[in-house]
Protein backbone atom coordinates (compact mmCIF):
# COMPACT_ATOMS: atom_id res chain seq x y z
CA MET A 1 -1.69 27.53 68.87
CA GLU A 2 1.05 29.08 70.88
CA GLU A 3 2.07 25.81 72.43
CA ASN A 4 2.93 24.35 69.05
CA LYS A 5 5.45 27.23 68.33
CA ASN A 6 7.44 26.06 71.31
CA GLN A 7 7.44 22.41 70.56
CA PRO A 8 10.25 20.99 68.15
CA ASN A 9 9.01 19.71 64.84
CA GLN A 10 7.64 16.14 65.02
CA ILE A 11 6.93 13.63 62.31
CA ASP A 12 3.94 11.42 62.50
CA ILE A 13 5.07 8.06 61.37
CA GLU A 14 2.67 5.22 60.99
CA LEU A 15 4.01 1.63 60.86
CA SER A 16 1.48 -1.10 59.63
CA GLU A 17 1.62 -4.57 61.16
CA GLU A 18 2.57 -6.02 57.83
CA VAL A 19 5.64 -3.72 57.51
CA ALA A 20 6.60 -4.09 61.08
CA GLU A 21 7.15 -7.84 60.45
CA GLY A 22 10.06 -6.90 58.18
CA ILE A 23 11.55 -8.62 55.39
CA TYR A 24 14.63 -10.95 55.94
CA SER A 25 17.46 -10.30 53.48
CA ASN A 26 20.96 -11.73 53.33
CA LEU A 27 22.12 -10.12 50.17
CA ALA A 28 21.86 -6.40 48.90
CA ILE A 29 22.66 -5.24 45.40
CA ILE A 30 23.36 -1.61 45.07
CA THR A 31 23.18 0.38 41.77
CA HIS A 32 23.06 4.11 40.91
CA SER A 33 22.37 6.57 38.28
CA GLN A 34 23.32 10.33 38.32
CA SER A 35 20.01 11.10 40.20
CA GLU A 36 19.22 7.99 42.40
CA PHE A 37 20.53 4.98 44.26
CA VAL A 38 18.75 1.67 44.03
CA ILE A 39 19.15 -0.98 46.84
CA ASP A 40 17.50 -4.37 46.04
CA PHE A 41 17.22 -6.65 49.23
CA ILE A 42 17.27 -10.22 48.25
CA LYS A 43 16.97 -13.47 50.19
CA MET A 44 19.09 -16.32 49.14
CA MET A 45 18.33 -19.71 50.21
CA PRO A 46 20.99 -22.73 50.49
CA GLY A 47 21.25 -24.75 47.49
CA VAL A 48 18.93 -22.62 45.41
CA PRO A 49 20.86 -20.70 42.66
CA LYS A 50 17.80 -18.53 42.01
CA ALA A 51 16.68 -15.64 44.14
CA LYS A 52 13.93 -13.02 44.25
CA VAL A 53 14.22 -9.40 45.05
CA LYS A 54 12.01 -9.00 48.25
CA SER A 55 12.22 -5.20 48.50
CA ARG A 56 13.63 -2.29 46.50
CA ILE A 57 14.41 0.98 48.01
CA VAL A 58 15.13 4.00 45.72
CA LEU A 59 17.02 7.09 47.35
CA THR A 60 18.25 10.36 46.25
CA PRO A 61 22.07 10.65 46.39
CA GLN A 62 21.67 12.82 49.47
CA HIS A 63 19.53 10.26 51.35
CA ALA A 64 21.82 7.40 50.41
CA LYS A 65 24.78 9.40 51.87
CA ARG A 66 22.61 10.06 55.25
CA LEU A 67 21.85 6.29 55.09
CA VAL A 68 25.49 5.33 54.85
CA LYS A 69 26.21 7.74 57.91
CA ALA A 70 23.51 6.35 59.89
CA LEU A 71 24.39 2.79 59.46
CA ASN A 72 28.08 3.52 60.18
CA ASP A 73 26.92 5.23 63.52
CA ASN A 74 24.76 2.33 64.38
CA VAL A 75 27.30 -0.30 63.61
CA GLN A 76 29.90 1.55 65.71
CA ARG A 77 27.48 1.80 68.58
CA PHE A 78 26.47 -2.04 68.28
CA GLU A 79 30.23 -2.88 68.34
CA GLN A 80 30.81 -0.92 71.48
CA VAL A 81 28.09 -2.88 73.24
CA HIS A 82 28.53 -6.40 71.56
CA GLY A 83 32.04 -6.37 70.28
CA LYS A 84 33.54 -6.32 66.79
CA ILE A 85 31.54 -7.76 64.07
CA LYS A 86 33.45 -10.48 62.27
CA ASP A 87 33.97 -9.61 58.58
CA SER A 88 33.55 -12.61 56.12
CA ASP A 89 34.81 -12.53 52.57
CA LEU A 90 32.88 -9.48 51.40
CA ASN A 91 33.35 -10.32 47.69
CA ALA A 92 31.72 -13.69 47.64
CA LEU A 93 28.01 -14.20 47.24
CA PRO A 94 26.53 -16.25 50.01
CA LEU A 95 25.64 -19.11 47.88
CA SER A 96 26.65 -21.96 50.18
CA PHE A 97 26.16 -20.26 53.44
CA GLY A 98 29.15 -22.27 54.74
CA GLY A 99 27.21 -25.43 55.41
CA PRO A 100 27.11 -28.91 53.70
CA THR A 101 25.88 -29.18 50.09
CA ALA A 102 22.35 -30.45 49.93
CA GLN A 103 21.81 -33.84 48.28
CA ALA A 104 18.60 -35.35 47.08
């Protein structure tokens, strides 16, 4: 029991195989209320005007702020190693993906 007092607090996190595969998203929509932030992750497909939410994360405002800080820190570290990430038009939805228009 004494040994545990000297060790820092640790969290035992379990990651199932299904969750470890991840879910691809190329669009996120963020909404909020006074008590929570909701982030919907969506996969848009070229030439398909309808898309489904693939995952929804609900956060407290405090956790949302921590997420923003953690993402910013990680983007900065990524850019230090791999170079600046090129910004595209951040206001446009990725409906065309920059490729040719599909024809049947």
